[in-house]
C-alpha cells in the first residue's frame, strides 16, 4: 500500500508524460517481483505440505467417507453365476 502511495506521489510530481510512464513502470516492476516471490513461497508451502502428508504412515491418515451415504464398495466379480 505504501509503495502505491509513493508511486502516485512520484507520478504526480513528474515533469513530462515520459517521466510519468517511467515511474509507473518502476512501480509495476516492483509489484510484479513481489507477486512472483509470493507465488514461489506459496508453491514451496504446497510442496512441503504434500511431502508431509505423503510421509504419514497409513494408519495415521484419516479414511475418506463415501461420496454418498448409499455408496458401497463393489464386490469382487466372479465368472460363476448363482443358480437357485
PDB file of N, CA and C in Angstrom:
ATOM      1  N   UNK A   1       0.826  -1.186   0.000  1.00  0.00           N
ATOM      2  CA  UNK A   1       0.000   0.000   0.000  1.00  0.00           C
ATOM      3  C   UNK A   1       0.874   1.255   0.000  1.00  0.00           C
ATOM      4  N   UNK A   2       1.888   1.210   0.838  1.00  0.00           N
ATOM      5  CA  UNK A   2       2.789   2.362   0.918  1.00  0.00           C
ATOM      6  C   UNK A   2       3.510   2.586  -0.406  1.00  0.00           C
ATOM      7  N   UNK A   3       3.886   1.511  -1.074  1.00  0.00           N
ATOM      8  CA  UNK A   3       4.586   1.632  -2.358  1.00  0.00           C
ATOM      9  C   UNK A   3       3.686   2.290  -3.396  1.00  0.00           C
ATOM     10  N   UNK A   4       2.395   1.970  -3.375  1.00  0.00           N
ATOM     11  CA  UNK A   4       1.462   2.562  -4.325  1.00  0.00           C
ATOM     12  C   UNK A   4       1.292   4.056  -4.053  1.00  0.00           C
ATOM     13  N   UNK A   5       1.244   4.435  -2.797  1.00  0.00           N
ATOM     14  CA  UNK A   5       1.131   5.863  -2.459  1.00  0.00           C
ATOM     15  C   UNK A   5       2.380   6.625  -2.875  1.00  0.00           C
ATOM     16  N   UNK A   6       3.530   6.012  -2.645  1.00  0.00           N
ATOM     17  CA  UNK A   6       4.789   6.650  -3.047  1.00  0.00           C
ATOM     18  C   UNK A   6       4.867   6.776  -4.566  1.00  0.00           C
ATOM     19  N   UNK A   7       4.442   5.733  -5.283  1.00  0.00           N
ATOM     20  CA  UNK A   7       4.453   5.779  -6.746  1.00  0.00           C
ATOM     21  C   UNK A   7       3.508   6.865  -7.251  1.00  0.00           C
ATOM     22  N   UNK A   8       2.348   6.973  -6.626  1.00  0.00           N
ATOM     23  CA  UNK A   8       1.403   8.010  -7.038  1.00  0.00           C
ATOM     24  C   UNK A   8       1.992   9.405  -6.828  1.00  0.00           C
ATOM     25  N   UNK A   9       2.721   9.572  -5.726  1.00  0.00           N
ATOM     26  CA  UNK A   9       3.367  10.871  -5.483  1.00  0.00           C
ATOM     27  C   UNK A   9       4.419  11.159  -6.551  1.00  0.00           C
ATOM     28  N   UNK A  10       5.236  10.154  -6.895  1.00  0.00           N
ATOM     29  CA  UNK A  10       6.259  10.340  -7.928  1.00  0.00           C
ATOM     30  C   UNK A  10       5.622  10.619  -9.293  1.00  0.00           C
ATOM     31  N   UNK A  11       4.552   9.903  -9.587  1.00  0.00           N
ATOM     32  CA  UNK A  11       3.867  10.125 -10.867  1.00  0.00           C
ATOM     33  C   UNK A  11       3.287  11.535 -10.911  1.00  0.00           C
ATOM     34  N   UNK A  12       2.704  11.966  -9.792  1.00  0.00           N
ATOM     35  CA  UNK A  12       2.142  13.315  -9.742  1.00  0.00           C
ATOM     36  C   UNK A  12       3.195  14.401  -9.839  1.00  0.00           C
ATOM     37  N   UNK A  13       4.398  14.122  -9.347  1.00  0.00           N
ATOM     38  CA  UNK A  13       5.482  15.113  -9.378  1.00  0.00           C
ATOM     39  C   UNK A  13       6.269  15.078 -10.685  1.00  0.00           C
ATOM     40  N   UNK A  14       5.967  14.136 -11.557  1.00  0.00           N
ATOM     41  CA  UNK A  14       6.720  14.005 -12.815  1.00  0.00           C
ATOM     42  C   UNK A  14       6.532  15.248 -13.685  1.00  0.00           C
ATOM     43  N   UNK A  15       7.605  15.597 -14.382  1.00  0.00           N
ATOM     44  CA  UNK A  15       7.576  16.795 -15.231  1.00  0.00           C
ATOM     45  C   UNK A  15       7.014  16.524 -16.621  1.00  0.00           C
ATOM     46  N   UNK A  16       7.243  15.336 -17.139  1.00  0.00           N
ATOM     47  CA  UNK A  16       6.801  15.028 -18.504  1.00  0.00           C
ATOM     48  C   UNK A  16       6.004  13.724 -18.496  1.00  0.00           C
ATOM     49  N   UNK A  17       5.214  13.505 -19.541  1.00  0.00           N
ATOM     50  CA  UNK A  17       4.488  12.233 -19.636  1.00  0.00           C
ATOM     51  C   UNK A  17       5.408  11.019 -19.625  1.00  0.00           C
ATOM     52  N   UNK A  18       6.586  11.144 -20.235  1.00  0.00           N
ATOM     53  CA  UNK A  18       7.511  10.002 -20.231  1.00  0.00           C
ATOM     54  C   UNK A  18       8.028   9.727 -18.816  1.00  0.00           C
ATOM     55  N   UNK A  19       8.202  10.769 -18.000  1.00  0.00           N
ATOM     56  CA  UNK A  19       8.585  10.559 -16.600  1.00  0.00           C
ATOM     57  C   UNK A  19       7.471   9.833 -15.842  1.00  0.00           C
ATOM     58  N   UNK A  20       6.238  10.189 -16.154  1.00  0.00           N
ATOM     59  CA  UNK A  20       5.091   9.526 -15.516  1.00  0.00           C
ATOM     60  C   UNK A  20       5.085   8.039 -15.864  1.00  0.00           C
ATOM     61  N   UNK A  21       5.283   7.737 -17.135  1.00  0.00           N
ATOM     62  CA  UNK A  21       5.282   6.338 -17.580  1.00  0.00           C
ATOM     63  C   UNK A  21       6.426   5.584 -16.925  1.00  0.00           C
ATOM     64  N   UNK A  22       7.608   6.193 -16.840  1.00  0.00           N
ATOM     65  CA  UNK A  22       8.757   5.542 -16.225  1.00  0.00           C
ATOM     66  C   UNK A  22       8.482   5.229 -14.758  1.00  0.00           C
ATOM     67  N   UNK A  23       7.886   6.180 -14.027  1.00  0.00           N
ATOM     68  CA  UNK A  23       7.567   5.949 -12.618  1.00  0.00           C
ATOM     69  C   UNK A  23       6.551   4.823 -12.468  1.00  0.00           C
ATOM     70  N   UNK A  24       5.556   4.809 -13.343  1.00  0.00           N
ATOM     71  CA  UNK A  24       4.553   3.750 -13.314  1.00  0.00           C
ATOM     72  C   UNK A  24       5.204   2.397 -13.607  1.00  0.00           C
ATOM     73  N   UNK A  25       6.083   2.355 -14.605  1.00  0.00           N
ATOM     74  CA  UNK A  25       6.763   1.102 -14.941  1.00  0.00           C
ATOM     75  C   UNK A  25       7.633   0.618 -13.782  1.00  0.00           C
ATOM     76  N   UNK A  26       8.311   1.536 -13.105  1.00  0.00           N
ATOM     77  CA  UNK A  26       9.130   1.159 -11.952  1.00  0.00           C
ATOM     78  C   UNK A  26       8.262   0.556 -10.852  1.00  0.00           C
ATOM     79  N   UNK A  27       7.130   1.178 -10.574  1.00  0.00           N
ATOM     80  CA  UNK A  27       6.224   0.669  -9.557  1.00  0.00           C
ATOM     81  C   UNK A  27       5.685  -0.708  -9.953  1.00  0.00           C
ATOM     82  N   UNK A  28       5.243  -0.831 -11.208  1.00  0.00           N
ATOM     83  CA  UNK A  28       4.682  -2.088 -11.678  1.00  0.00           C
ATOM     84  C   UNK A  28       5.726  -3.214 -11.640  1.00  0.00           C
ATOM     85  N   UNK A  29       6.957  -2.902 -11.998  1.00  0.00           N
ATOM     86  CA  UNK A  29       8.032  -3.893 -11.955  1.00  0.00           C
ATOM     87  C   UNK A  29       8.238  -4.395 -10.531  1.00  0.00           C
ATOM     88  N   UNK A  30       8.285  -3.476  -9.563  1.00  0.00           N
ATOM     89  CA  UNK A  30       8.460  -3.873  -8.159  1.00  0.00           C
ATOM     90  C   UNK A  30       7.293  -4.748  -7.692  1.00  0.00           C
ATOM     91  N   UNK A  31       6.084  -4.364  -8.054  1.00  0.00           N
ATOM     92  CA  UNK A  31       4.910  -5.137  -7.643  1.00  0.00           C
ATOM     93  C   UNK A  31       4.917  -6.534  -8.252  1.00  0.00           C
ATOM     94  N   UNK A  32       5.308  -6.651  -9.506  1.00  0.00           N
ATOM     95  CA  UNK A  32       5.358  -7.965 -10.152  1.00  0.00           C
ATOM     96  C   UNK A  32       6.446  -8.845  -9.533  1.00  0.00           C
ATOM     97  N   UNK A  33       7.551  -8.241  -9.137  1.00  0.00           N
ATOM     98  CA  UNK A  33       8.606  -9.005  -8.458  1.00  0.00           C
ATOM     99  C   UNK A  33       8.100  -9.551  -7.130  1.00  0.00           C
ATOM    100  N   UNK A  34       7.372  -8.715  -6.392  1.00  0.00           N
ATOM    101  CA  UNK A  34       6.806  -9.158  -5.121  1.00  0.00           C
ATOM    102  C   UNK A  34       5.773 -10.264  -5.332  1.00  0.00           C
ATOM    103  N   UNK A  35       4.967 -10.125  -6.362  1.00  0.00           N
ATOM    104  CA  UNK A  35       3.968 -11.139  -6.674  1.00  0.00           C
ATOM    105  C   UNK A  35       4.635 -12.472  -7.023  1.00  0.00           C
ATOM    106  N   UNK A  36       5.713 -12.416  -7.778  1.00  0.00           N
ATOM    107  CA  UNK A  36       6.441 -13.633  -8.136  1.00  0.00           C
ATOM    108  C   UNK A  36       7.052 -14.286  -6.890  1.00  0.00           C
ATOM    109  N   UNK A  37       7.587 -13.480  -5.981  1.00  0.00           N
ATOM    110  CA  UNK A  37       8.145 -14.011  -4.738  1.00  0.00           C
ATOM    111  C   UNK A  37       7.059 -14.677  -3.903  1.00  0.00           C
ATOM    112  N   UNK A  38       5.891 -14.053  -3.822  1.00  0.00           N
ATOM    113  CA  UNK A  38       4.772 -14.642  -3.081  1.00  0.00           C
ATOM    114  C   UNK A  38       4.340 -15.956  -3.713  1.00  0.00           C
ATOM    115  N   UNK A  39       4.282 -15.997  -5.028  1.00  0.00           N
ATOM    116  CA  UNK A  39       3.914 -17.223  -5.721  1.00  0.00           C
ATOM    117  C   UNK A  39       4.893 -18.349  -5.458  1.00  0.00           C
ATOM    118  N   UNK A  40       6.164 -18.011  -5.450  1.00  0.00           N
ATOM    119  CA  UNK A  40       7.193 -19.009  -5.187  1.00  0.00           C
ATOM    120  C   UNK A  40       7.083 -19.528  -3.749  1.00  0.00           C
ATOM    121  N   UNK A  41       6.855 -18.635  -2.797  1.00  0.00           N
ATOM    122  CA  UNK A  41       6.703 -19.048  -1.403  1.00  0.00           C
ATOM    123  C   UNK A  41       5.469 -19.930  -1.237  1.00  0.00           C
ATOM    124  N   UNK A  42       4.386 -19.591  -1.917  1.00  0.00           N
ATOM    125  CA  UNK A  42       3.162 -20.388  -1.861  1.00  0.00           C
ATOM    126  C   UNK A  42       3.408 -21.784  -2.435  1.00  0.00           C
ATOM    127  N   UNK A  43       4.103 -21.857  -3.548  1.00  0.00           N
ATOM    128  CA  UNK A  43       4.416 -23.137  -4.166  1.00  0.00           C
ATOM    129  C   UNK A  43       5.264 -23.995  -3.220  1.00  0.00           C
ATOM    130  N   UNK A  44       6.238 -23.398  -2.555  1.00  0.00           N
ATOM    131  CA  UNK A  44       7.080 -24.140  -1.627  1.00  0.00           C
ATOM    132  C   UNK A  44       6.271 -24.658  -0.446  1.00  0.00           C
ATOM    133  N   UNK A  45       5.323 -23.859   0.039  1.00  0.00           N
ATOM    134  CA  UNK A  45       4.465 -24.298   1.138  1.00  0.00           C
ATOM    135  C   UNK A  45       3.626 -25.499   0.707  1.00  0.00           C
ATOM    136  N   UNK A  46       3.079 -25.447  -0.511  1.00  0.00           N
ATOM    137  CA  UNK A  46       2.277 -26.571  -1.007  1.00  0.00           C
ATOM    138  C   UNK A  46       3.127 -27.832  -1.128  1.00  0.00           C
ATOM    139  N   UNK A  47       4.338 -27.689  -1.632  1.00  0.00           N
ATOM    140  CA  UNK A  47       5.220 -28.848  -1.772  1.00  0.00           C
ATOM    141  C   UNK A  47       5.569 -29.434  -0.403  1.00  0.00           C
ATOM    142  N   UNK A  48       5.818 -28.570   0.584  1.00  0.00           N
ATOM    143  CA  UNK A  48       6.120 -29.061   1.930  1.00  0.00           C
ATOM    144  C   UNK A  48       4.913 -29.769   2.535  1.00  0.00           C
ATOM    145  N   UNK A  49       3.727 -29.194   2.349  1.00  0.00           N
ATOM    146  CA  UNK A  49       2.517 -29.822   2.880  1.00  0.00           C
ATOM    147  C   UNK A  49       2.279 -31.169   2.213  1.00  0.00           C
ATOM    148  N   UNK A  50       2.479 -31.247   0.909  1.00  0.00           N
ATOM    149  CA  UNK A  50       2.316 -32.506   0.209  1.00  0.00           C
ATOM    150  C   UNK A  50       3.317 -33.546   0.675  1.00  0.00           C
ATOM    151  N   UNK A  51       4.546 -33.139   0.881  1.00  0.00           N
ATOM    152  CA  UNK A  51       5.576 -34.067   1.363  1.00  0.00           C
ATOM    153  C   UNK A  51       5.227 -34.538   2.770  1.00  0.00           C
ATOM    154  N   UNK A  52       4.706 -33.642   3.593  1.00  0.00           N
ATOM    155  CA  UNK A  52       4.325 -34.007   4.957  1.00  0.00           C
ATOM    156  C   UNK A  52       3.176 -35.012   4.935  1.00  0.00           C
ATOM    157  N   UNK A  53       2.195 -34.778   4.093  1.00  0.00           N
ATOM    158  CA  UNK A  53       1.048 -35.685   4.019  1.00  0.00           C
ATOM    159  C   UNK A  53       1.446 -37.051   3.475  1.00  0.00           C
ATOM    160  N   UNK A  54       2.305 -37.081   2.485  1.00  0.00           N
ATOM    161  CA  UNK A  54       2.697 -38.363   1.904  1.00  0.00           C
ATOM    162  C   UNK A  54       3.651 -39.122   2.818  1.00  0.00           C
ATOM    163  N   UNK A  55       4.282 -38.451   3.768  1.00  0.00           N
ATOM    164  CA  UNK A  55       5.211 -39.108   4.675  1.00  0.00           C
ATOM    165  C   UNK A  55       4.498 -39.744   5.865  1.00  0.00           C
ATOM    166  N   UNK A  56       3.214 -39.435   6.088  1.00  0.00           N
ATOM    167  CA  UNK A  56       2.484 -40.002   7.211  1.00  0.00           C
ATOM    168  C   UNK A  56       2.233 -41.485   6.973  1.00  0.00           C
ATOM    169  N   UNK A  57       2.368 -42.300   8.017  1.00  0.00           N
ATOM    170  CA  UNK A  57       2.035 -43.715   7.878  1.00  0.00           C
ATOM    171  C   UNK A  57       0.546 -43.889   7.569  1.00  0.00           C
ATOM    172  N   UNK A  58       0.202 -44.996   6.932  1.00  0.00           N
ATOM    173  CA  UNK A  58      -1.177 -45.240   6.503  1.00  0.00           C
ATOM    174  C   UNK A  58      -2.132 -45.236   7.683  1.00  0.00           C
ATOM    175  N   UNK A  59      -1.713 -45.781   8.864  1.00  0.00           N
ATOM    176  CA  UNK A  59      -2.646 -45.855   9.977  1.00  0.00           C
ATOM    177  C   UNK A  59      -3.017 -44.486  10.531  1.00  0.00           C
ATOM    178  N   UNK A  60      -2.178 -43.483  10.323  1.00  0.00           N
ATOM    179  CA  UNK A  60      -2.473 -42.154  10.841  1.00  0.00           C
ATOM    180  C   UNK A  60      -3.341 -41.340   9.906  1.00  0.00           C
ATOM    181  N   UNK A  61      -3.460 -41.744   8.674  1.00  0.00           N
ATOM    182  CA  UNK A  61      -4.268 -40.990   7.735  1.00  0.00           C
ATOM    183  C   UNK A  61      -5.740 -41.236   8.017  1.00  0.00           C
ATOM    184  N   UNK A  62      -6.534 -40.193   7.917  1.00  0.00           N
ATOM    185  CA  UNK A  62      -7.966 -40.283   8.177  1.00  0.00           C
ATOM    186  C   UNK A  62      -8.630 -40.895   6.959  1.00  0.00           C
ATOM    187  N   UNK A  63      -9.442 -41.963   7.150  1.00  0.00           N
ATOM    188  CA  UNK A  63     -10.117 -42.539   5.987  1.00  0.00           C
ATOM    189  C   UNK A  63     -11.156 -41.581   5.437  1.00  0.00           C
ATOM    190  N   UNK A  64     -11.303 -41.600   4.138  1.00  0.00           N
ATOM    191  CA  UNK A  64     -12.266 -40.710   3.494  1.00  0.00           C
ATOM    192  C   UNK A  64     -13.644 -41.344   3.544  1.00  0.00           C
ATOM    193  N   UNK A  65     -14.650 -40.530   3.794  1.00  0.00           N
ATOM    194  CA  UNK A  65     -16.027 -41.001   3.811  1.00  0.00           C
ATOM    195  C   UNK A  65     -16.502 -41.210   2.382  1.00  0.00           C
ATOM    196  N   UNK A  66     -17.474 -42.134   2.165  1.00  0.00           N
ATOM    197  CA  UNK A  66     -18.000 -42.310   0.808  1.00  0.00           C
ATOM    198  C   UNK A  66     -18.640 -41.025   0.307  1.00  0.00           C
ATOM    199  N   UNK A  67     -18.656 -40.861  -0.997  1.00  0.00           N
ATOM    200  CA  UNK A  67     -19.201 -39.651  -1.593  1.00  0.00           C
ATOM    201  C   UNK A  67     -20.696 -39.518  -1.322  1.00  0.00           C
ATOM    202  N   UNK A  68     -21.380 -40.633  -1.218  1.00  0.00           N
ATOM    203  CA  UNK A  68     -22.820 -40.631  -0.997  1.00  0.00           C
ATOM    204  C   UNK A  68     -23.111 -41.656   0.088  1.00  0.00           C
ATOM    205  N   UNK A  69     -24.073 -41.424   0.985  1.00  0.00           N
ATOM    206  CA  UNK A  69     -24.322 -42.379   2.069  1.00  0.00           C
ATOM    207  C   UNK A  69     -24.647 -43.788   1.570  1.00  0.00           C
ATOM    208  N   UNK A  70     -25.274 -43.919   0.422  1.00  0.00           N
ATOM    209  CA  UNK A  70     -25.623 -45.245  -0.077  1.00  0.00           C
ATOM    210  C   UNK A  70     -24.483 -45.883  -0.871  1.00  0.00           C
ATOM    211  N   UNK A  71     -23.371 -45.177  -1.037  1.00  0.00           N
ATOM    212  CA  UNK A  71     -22.251 -45.720  -1.808  1.00  0.00           C
ATOM    213  C   UNK A  71     -21.564 -46.818  -1.014  1.00  0.00           C
ATOM    214  N   UNK A  72     -21.388 -47.954  -1.641  1.00  0.00           N
ATOM    215  CA  UNK A  72     -20.718 -49.090  -1.013  1.00  0.00           C
ATOM    216  C   UNK A  72     -19.615 -49.567  -1.941  1.00  0.00           C
ATOM    217  N   UNK A  73     -18.582 -50.165  -1.370  1.00  0.00           N
ATOM    218  CA  UNK A  73     -17.564 -50.720  -2.261  1.00  0.00           C
ATOM    219  C   UNK A  73     -18.146 -51.884  -3.051  1.00  0.00           C
ATOM    220  N   UNK A  74     -17.714 -52.013  -4.269  1.00  0.00           N
ATOM    221  CA  UNK A  74     -18.221 -53.076  -5.121  1.00  0.00           C
ATOM    222  C   UNK A  74     -17.626 -54.408  -4.708  1.00  0.00           C
ATOM    223  N   UNK A  75     -18.451 -55.445  -4.807  1.00  0.00           N
ATOM    224  CA  UNK A  75     -17.983 -56.798  -4.508  1.00  0.00           C
ATOM    225  C   UNK A  75     -17.132 -57.285  -5.661  1.00  0.00           C
ATOM    226  N   UNK A  76     -16.173 -58.150  -5.366  1.00  0.00           N
ATOM    227  CA  UNK A  76     -15.355 -58.681  -6.455  1.00  0.00           C
ATOM    228  C   UNK A  76     -16.206 -59.478  -7.438  1.00  0.00           C
ATOM    229  N   UNK A  77     -15.933 -59.337  -8.700  1.00  0.00           N
ATOM    230  CA  UNK A  77     -16.681 -60.004  -9.747  1.00  0.00           C
ATOM    231  C   UNK A  77     -16.098 -61.402  -9.964  1.00  0.00           C
ATOM    232  N   UNK A  78     -16.981 -62.380 -10.129  1.00  0.00           N
ATOM    233  CA  UNK A  78     -16.538 -63.726 -10.459  1.00  0.00           C
ATOM    234  C   UNK A  78     -17.268 -64.171 -11.712  1.00  0.00           C
ATOM    235  N   UNK A  79     -16.766 -65.223 -12.332  1.00  0.00           N
ATOM    236  CA  UNK A  79     -17.402 -65.745 -13.547  1.00  0.00           C
ATOM    237  C   UNK A  79     -18.536 -66.711 -13.235  1.00  0.00           C
ATOM    238  N   UNK A  80     -18.671 -67.125 -11.982  1.00  0.00           N
ATOM    239  CA  UNK A  80     -19.707 -68.082 -11.620  1.00  0.00           C
ATOM    240  C   UNK A  80     -21.038 -67.370 -11.438  1.00  0.00           C
ATOM    241  N   UNK A  81     -22.111 -67.975 -11.937  1.00  0.00           N
ATOM    242  CA  UNK A  81     -23.448 -67.439 -11.747  1.00  0.00           C
ATOM    243  C   UNK A  81     -24.155 -68.210 -10.632  1.00  0.00           C
ATOM    244  N   UNK A  82     -24.954 -67.470  -9.930  1.00  0.00           N
ATOM    245  CA  UNK A  82     -25.751 -68.128  -8.902  1.00  0.00           C
ATOM    246  C   UNK A  82     -26.929 -68.846  -9.553  1.00  0.00           C
ATOM    247  N   UNK A  83     -27.238 -69.953  -9.068  1.00  0.00           N
ATOM    248  CA  UNK A  83     -28.435 -70.659  -9.549  1.00  0.00           C
ATOM    249  C   UNK A  83     -29.288 -70.985  -8.335  1.00  0.00           C
ATOM    250  N   UNK A  84     -30.584 -70.944  -8.546  1.00  0.00           N
ATOM    251  CA  UNK A  84     -31.347 -71.425  -7.455  1.00  0.00           C
ATOM    252  C   UNK A  84     -32.493 -70.701  -7.052  1.00  0.00           C
TER     253      UNK A  84
END
